[in-house]
PDB file of N, CA and C in Angstrom:
ATOM      1  N   MET A   1     115.842 107.264 123.443  1.00  0.00           N
ATOM      2  CA  MET A   1     116.817 108.301 123.216  1.00  0.00           C
ATOM      3  C   MET A   1     116.254 109.315 122.215  1.00  0.00           C
ATOM      4  N   GLN A   2     116.439 110.560 122.523  1.00  0.00           N
ATOM      5  CA  GLN A   2     115.990 111.604 121.609  1.00  0.00           C
ATOM      6  C   GLN A   2     117.171 112.110 120.795  1.00  0.00           C
ATOM      7  N   LYS A   3     116.907 112.328 119.520  1.00  0.00           N
ATOM      8  CA  LYS A   3     117.936 112.883 118.643  1.00  0.00           C
ATOM      9  C   LYS A   3     117.516 114.292 118.284  1.00  0.00           C
ATOM     10  N   LYS A   4     118.467 115.163 118.223  1.00  0.00           N
ATOM     11  CA  LYS A   4     118.172 116.554 117.863  1.00  0.00           C
ATOM     12  C   LYS A   4     118.331 116.691 116.345  1.00  0.00           C
ATOM     13  N   ILE A   5     117.237 116.454 115.648  1.00  0.00           N
ATOM     14  CA  ILE A   5     117.238 116.505 114.196  1.00  0.00           C
ATOM     15  C   ILE A   5     116.543 117.782 113.760  1.00  0.00           C
ATOM     16  N   GLU A   6     117.242 118.588 113.001  1.00  0.00           N
ATOM     17  CA  GLU A   6     116.631 119.808 112.476  1.00  0.00           C
ATOM     18  C   GLU A   6     115.707 119.430 111.329  1.00  0.00           C
ATOM     19  N   PHE A   7     114.547 120.074 111.262  1.00  0.00           N
ATOM     20  CA  PHE A   7     113.609 119.778 110.199  1.00  0.00           C
ATOM     21  C   PHE A   7     112.748 120.996 109.900  1.00  0.00           C
ATOM     22  N   VAL A   8     112.144 120.963 108.743  1.00  0.00           N
ATOM     23  CA  VAL A   8     111.178 121.982 108.343  1.00  0.00           C
ATOM     24  C   VAL A   8     109.892 121.239 108.034  1.00  0.00           C
ATOM     25  N   TYR A   9     108.830 121.590 108.727  1.00  0.00           N
ATOM     26  CA  TYR A   9     107.532 120.975 108.504  1.00  0.00           C
ATOM     27  C   TYR A   9     106.853 121.693 107.341  1.00  0.00           C
ATOM     28  N   GLN A  10     106.380 120.940 106.365  1.00  0.00           N
ATOM     29  CA  GLN A  10     105.672 121.513 105.230  1.00  0.00           C
ATOM     30  C   GLN A  10     104.264 120.939 105.159  1.00  0.00           C
ATOM     31  N   ASP A  11     103.286 121.796 105.169  1.00  0.00           N
ATOM     32  CA  ASP A  11     101.890 121.390 104.991  1.00  0.00           C
ATOM     33  C   ASP A  11     101.532 121.707 103.544  1.00  0.00           C
ATOM     34  N   ILE A  12     101.413 120.663 102.720  1.00  0.00           N
ATOM     35  CA  ILE A  12     101.201 120.894 101.294  1.00  0.00           C
ATOM     36  C   ILE A  12      99.845 121.509 100.987  1.00  0.00           C
ATOM     37  N   SER A  13      98.952 121.528 101.976  1.00  0.00           N
ATOM     38  CA  SER A  13      97.639 122.143 101.740  1.00  0.00           C
ATOM     39  C   SER A  13      97.660 123.644 101.992  1.00  0.00           C
ATOM     40  N   GLU A  14      98.762 124.162 102.512  1.00  0.00           N
ATOM     41  CA  GLU A  14      98.841 125.593 102.827  1.00  0.00           C
ATOM     42  C   GLU A  14      99.554 126.411 101.758  1.00  0.00           C
ATOM     43  N   SER A  15     100.226 125.749 100.821  1.00  0.00           N
ATOM     44  CA  SER A  15     101.025 126.489  99.858  1.00  0.00           C
ATOM     45  C   SER A  15     101.109 125.726  98.545  1.00  0.00           C
ATOM     46  N   ILE A  16     100.828 126.385  97.461  1.00  0.00           N
ATOM     47  CA  ILE A  16     100.966 125.775  96.139  1.00  0.00           C
ATOM     48  C   ILE A  16     102.426 125.408  95.896  1.00  0.00           C
ATOM     49  N   LEU A  17     103.357 126.244  96.348  1.00  0.00           N
ATOM     50  CA  LEU A  17     104.780 125.961  96.178  1.00  0.00           C
ATOM     51  C   LEU A  17     105.170 124.666  96.894  1.00  0.00           C
ATOM     52  N   ALA A  18     104.687 124.468  98.134  1.00  0.00           N
ATOM     53  CA  ALA A  18     104.979 123.241  98.879  1.00  0.00           C
ATOM     54  C   ALA A  18     104.365 122.025  98.174  1.00  0.00           C
ATOM     55  N   LEU A  19     103.163 122.163  97.662  1.00  0.00           N
ATOM     56  CA  LEU A  19     102.507 121.078  96.928  1.00  0.00           C
ATOM     57  C   LEU A  19     103.299 120.729  95.670  1.00  0.00           C
ATOM     58  N   LYS A  20     103.726 121.742  94.919  1.00  0.00           N
ATOM     59  CA  LYS A  20     104.495 121.499  93.700  1.00  0.00           C
ATOM     60  C   LYS A  20     105.820 120.806  94.006  1.00  0.00           C
ATOM     61  N   LYS A  21     106.463 121.196  95.103  1.00  0.00           N
ATOM     62  CA  LYS A  21     107.733 120.573  95.472  1.00  0.00           C
ATOM     63  C   LYS A  21     107.513 119.107  95.834  1.00  0.00           C
ATOM     64  N   PHE A  22     106.445 118.812  96.613  1.00  0.00           N
ATOM     65  CA  PHE A  22     106.139 117.425  96.944  1.00  0.00           C
ATOM     66  C   PHE A  22     105.861 116.626  95.679  1.00  0.00           C
ATOM     67  N   LEU A  23     105.048 117.149  94.782  1.00  0.00           N
ATOM     68  CA  LEU A  23     104.720 116.438  93.549  1.00  0.00           C
ATOM     69  C   LEU A  23     105.965 116.197  92.701  1.00  0.00           C
ATOM     70  N   SER A  24     106.902 117.115  92.727  1.00  0.00           N
ATOM     71  CA  SER A  24     108.163 116.935  92.014  1.00  0.00           C
ATOM     72  C   SER A  24     108.919 115.728  92.566  1.00  0.00           C
ATOM     73  N   TYR A  25     109.003 115.621  93.888  1.00  0.00           N
ATOM     74  CA  TYR A  25     109.640 114.445  94.501  1.00  0.00           C
ATOM     75  C   TYR A  25     108.870 113.178  94.142  1.00  0.00           C
ATOM     76  N   ARG A  26     107.550 113.233  94.260  1.00  0.00           N
ATOM     77  CA  ARG A  26     106.707 112.058  94.041  1.00  0.00           C
ATOM     78  C   ARG A  26     106.852 111.529  92.617  1.00  0.00           C
ATOM     79  N   GLU A  27     106.943 112.407  91.661  1.00  0.00           N
ATOM     80  CA  GLU A  27     107.007 111.988  90.263  1.00  0.00           C
ATOM     81  C   GLU A  27     108.412 111.599  89.822  1.00  0.00           C
ATOM     82  N   SER A  28     109.436 111.979  90.571  1.00  0.00           N
ATOM     83  CA  SER A  28     110.797 111.734  90.096  1.00  0.00           C
ATOM     84  C   SER A  28     111.618 110.776  90.962  1.00  0.00           C
ATOM     85  N   HIS A  29     111.032 110.225  92.020  1.00  0.00           N
ATOM     86  CA  HIS A  29     111.771 109.308  92.894  1.00  0.00           C
ATOM     87  C   HIS A  29     111.077 107.942  92.940  1.00  0.00           C
ATOM     88  N   SER A  30     111.878 106.905  92.745  1.00  0.00           N
ATOM     89  CA  SER A  30     111.335 105.542  92.683  1.00  0.00           C
ATOM     90  C   SER A  30     110.730 105.074  94.003  1.00  0.00           C
ATOM     91  N   GLU A  31     111.071 105.717  95.118  1.00  0.00           N
ATOM     92  CA  GLU A  31     110.488 105.342  96.410  1.00  0.00           C
ATOM     93  C   GLU A  31     108.964 105.411  96.380  1.00  0.00           C
ATOM     94  N   PHE A  32     108.414 106.219  95.494  1.00  0.00           N
ATOM     95  CA  PHE A  32     106.967 106.403  95.411  1.00  0.00           C
ATOM     96  C   PHE A  32     106.287 105.438  94.435  1.00  0.00           C
ATOM     97  N   ASP A  33     107.048 104.620  93.706  1.00  0.00           N
ATOM     98  CA  ASP A  33     106.460 103.767  92.673  1.00  0.00           C
ATOM     99  C   ASP A  33     105.368 102.844  93.210  1.00  0.00           C
ATOM    100  N   LYS A  34     105.657 102.109  94.274  1.00  0.00           N
ATOM    101  CA  LYS A  34     104.656 101.185  94.827  1.00  0.00           C
ATOM    102  C   LYS A  34     103.443 101.946  95.363  1.00  0.00           C
ATOM    103  N   THR A  35     103.701 103.094  95.935  1.00  0.00           N
ATOM    104  CA  THR A  35     102.612 103.923  96.460  1.00  0.00           C
ATOM    105  C   THR A  35     101.688 104.355  95.331  1.00  0.00           C
ATOM    106  N   LYS A  36     102.264 104.796  94.225  1.00  0.00           N
ATOM    107  CA  LYS A  36     101.462 105.233  93.090  1.00  0.00           C
ATOM    108  C   LYS A  36     100.701 104.069  92.468  1.00  0.00           C
ATOM    109  N   GLU A  37     101.319 102.878  92.425  1.00  0.00           N
ATOM    110  CA  GLU A  37     100.634 101.697  91.895  1.00  0.00           C
ATOM    111  C   GLU A  37      99.376 101.376  92.695  1.00  0.00           C
ATOM    112  N   LYS A  38      99.412 101.650  93.991  1.00  0.00           N
ATOM    113  CA  LYS A  38      98.261 101.409  94.866  1.00  0.00           C
ATOM    114  C   LYS A  38      97.210 102.509  94.749  1.00  0.00           C
ATOM    115  N   GLY A  39      97.546 103.593  94.052  1.00  0.00           N
ATOM    116  CA  GLY A  39      96.640 104.725  93.943  1.00  0.00           C
ATOM    117  C   GLY A  39      96.682 105.634  95.159  1.00  0.00           C
ATOM    118  N   ALA A  40      97.748 105.491  95.965  1.00  0.00           N
ATOM    119  CA  ALA A  40      97.903 106.310  97.171  1.00  0.00           C
ATOM    120  C   ALA A  40      98.726 107.555  96.854  1.00  0.00           C
ATOM    121  N   VAL A  41      98.778 108.467  97.793  1.00  0.00           N
ATOM    122  CA  VAL A  41      99.466 109.739  97.582  1.00  0.00           C
ATOM    123  C   VAL A  41     100.938 109.668  97.964  1.00  0.00           C
ATOM    124  N   GLY A  42     101.238 109.066  99.107  1.00  0.00           N
ATOM    125  CA  GLY A  42     102.628 109.009  99.564  1.00  0.00           C
ATOM    126  C   GLY A  42     102.901 109.896 100.752  1.00  0.00           C
ATOM    127  N   LEU A  43     101.864 110.195 101.494  1.00  0.00           N
ATOM    128  CA  LEU A  43     102.015 111.013 102.701  1.00  0.00           C
ATOM    129  C   LEU A  43     101.626 110.191 103.910  1.00  0.00           C
ATOM    130  N   PRO A  44     102.242 110.380 105.029  1.00  0.00           N
ATOM    131  CA  PRO A  44     103.346 111.305 105.266  1.00  0.00           C
ATOM    132  C   PRO A  44     104.643 110.760 104.675  1.00  0.00           C
ATOM    133  N   CYS A  45     105.565 111.676 104.460  1.00  0.00           N
ATOM    134  CA  CYS A  45     106.893 111.277 104.012  1.00  0.00           C
ATOM    135  C   CYS A  45     107.913 112.246 104.581  1.00  0.00           C
ATOM    136  N   ILE A  46     109.143 111.783 104.627  1.00  0.00           N
ATOM    137  CA  ILE A  46     110.250 112.616 105.066  1.00  0.00           C
ATOM    138  C   ILE A  46     111.231 112.689 103.907  1.00  0.00           C
ATOM    139  N   VAL A  47     111.612 113.888 103.541  1.00  0.00           N
ATOM    140  CA  VAL A  47     112.597 114.106 102.480  1.00  0.00           C
ATOM    141  C   VAL A  47     113.872 114.586 103.160  1.00  0.00           C
ATOM    142  N   VAL A  48     114.951 113.818 103.003  1.00  0.00           N
ATOM    143  CA  VAL A  48     116.223 114.125 103.634  1.00  0.00           C
ATOM    144  C   VAL A  48     117.132 114.807 102.627  1.00  0.00           C
ATOM    145  N   ASN A  49     117.704 115.928 103.046  1.00  0.00           N
ATOM    146  CA  ASN A  49     118.687 116.655 102.225  1.00  0.00           C
ATOM    147  C   ASN A  49     118.231 116.870 100.794  1.00  0.00           C
ATOM    148  N   ASP A  50     117.073 117.484 100.645  1.00  0.00           N
ATOM    149  CA  ASP A  50     116.548 117.870  99.336  1.00  0.00           C
ATOM    150  C   ASP A  50     116.460 116.708  98.351  1.00  0.00           C
ATOM    151  N   GLY A  51     116.010 115.535  98.860  1.00  0.00           N
ATOM    152  CA  GLY A  51     115.766 114.398  97.990  1.00  0.00           C
ATOM    153  C   GLY A  51     116.831 113.320  98.018  1.00  0.00           C
ATOM    154  N   GLU A  52     117.880 113.498  98.813  1.00  0.00           N
ATOM    155  CA  GLU A  52     118.929 112.483  98.908  1.00  0.00           C
ATOM    156  C   GLU A  52     118.352 111.141  99.374  1.00  0.00           C
ATOM    157  N   ARG A  53     117.391 111.207 100.251  1.00  0.00           N
ATOM    158  CA  ARG A  53     116.703 110.016 100.756  1.00  0.00           C
ATOM    159  C   ARG A  53     115.255 110.391 101.039  1.00  0.00           C
ATOM    160  N   ILE A  54     114.342 109.486 100.708  1.00  0.00           N
ATOM    161  CA  ILE A  54     112.928 109.726 100.969  1.00  0.00           C
ATOM    162  C   ILE A  54     112.398 108.557 101.783  1.00  0.00           C
ATOM    163  N   ILE A  55     111.736 108.883 102.885  1.00  0.00           N
ATOM    164  CA  ILE A  55     111.194 107.867 103.782  1.00  0.00           C
ATOM    165  C   ILE A  55     109.683 108.034 103.787  1.00  0.00           C
ATOM    166  N   LEU A  56     108.972 106.981 103.391  1.00  0.00           N
ATOM    167  CA  LEU A  56     107.519 107.010 103.375  1.00  0.00           C
ATOM    168  C   LEU A  56     106.986 106.479 104.687  1.00  0.00           C
ATOM    169  N   GLY A  57     105.978 107.143 105.234  1.00  0.00           N
ATOM    170  CA  GLY A  57     105.417 106.736 106.510  1.00  0.00           C
ATOM    171  C   GLY A  57     106.348 107.056 107.648  1.00  0.00           C
ATOM    172  N   PHE A  58     105.985 106.663 108.813  1.00  0.00           N
ATOM    173  CA  PHE A  58     106.810 106.928 109.986  1.00  0.00           C
ATOM    174  C   PHE A  58     107.147 105.627 110.678  1.00  0.00           C
ATOM    175  N   ASP A  59     107.875 104.761 110.003  1.00  0.00           N
ATOM    176  CA  ASP A  59     108.320 103.488 110.538  1.00  0.00           C
ATOM    177  C   ASP A  59     109.436 103.751 111.562  1.00  0.00           C
ATOM    178  N   GLU A  60     109.216 103.341 112.816  1.00  0.00           N
ATOM    179  CA  GLU A  60     110.187 103.619 113.875  1.00  0.00           C
ATOM    180  C   GLU A  60     111.551 103.004 113.600  1.00  0.00           C
ATOM    181  N   GLU A  61     111.572 101.812 112.981  1.00  0.00           N
ATOM    182  CA  GLU A  61     112.851 101.171 112.670  1.00  0.00           C
ATOM    183  C   GLU A  61     113.674 102.038 111.710  1.00  0.00           C
ATOM    184  N   VAL A  62     113.003 102.563 110.692  1.00  0.00           N
ATOM    185  CA  VAL A  62     113.690 103.415 109.715  1.00  0.00           C
ATOM    186  C   VAL A  62     114.087 104.732 110.361  1.00  0.00           C
ATOM    187  N   LEU A  63     113.185 105.326 111.119  1.00  0.00           N
ATOM    188  CA  LEU A  63     113.494 106.609 111.755  1.00  0.00           C
ATOM    189  C   LEU A  63     114.625 106.483 112.750  1.00  0.00           C
ATOM    190  N   GLY A  64     114.750 105.337 113.408  1.00  0.00           N
ATOM    191  CA  GLY A  64     115.837 105.129 114.351  1.00  0.00           C
ATOM    192  C   GLY A  64     117.193 105.117 113.702  1.00  0.00           C
ATOM    193  N   SER A  65     117.230 104.869 112.392  1.00  0.00           N
ATOM    194  CA  SER A  65     118.504 104.829 111.676  1.00  0.00           C
ATOM    195  C   SER A  65     118.972 106.200 111.216  1.00  0.00           C
ATOM    196  N   LEU A  66     118.159 107.215 111.417  1.00  0.00           N
ATOM    197  CA  LEU A  66     118.546 108.558 110.986  1.00  0.00           C
ATOM    198  C   LEU A  66     119.561 109.172 111.929  1.00  0.00           C
TER     199      LEU A  66
END
């Protein structure tokens, strides 16, 4: 089943503003804690409603719940 989900794709390598916004989420949301402990970046990720929910990776089980 396909869901019609509106989204904005952001490539953090194309804009300093997009990179700064991603880093703001990464530094202020606990979803990234384990990722940072591993020394990883945390991409890809999905940010729902300006940080209301953050989904790391593209796990189909999690995406199916959107």
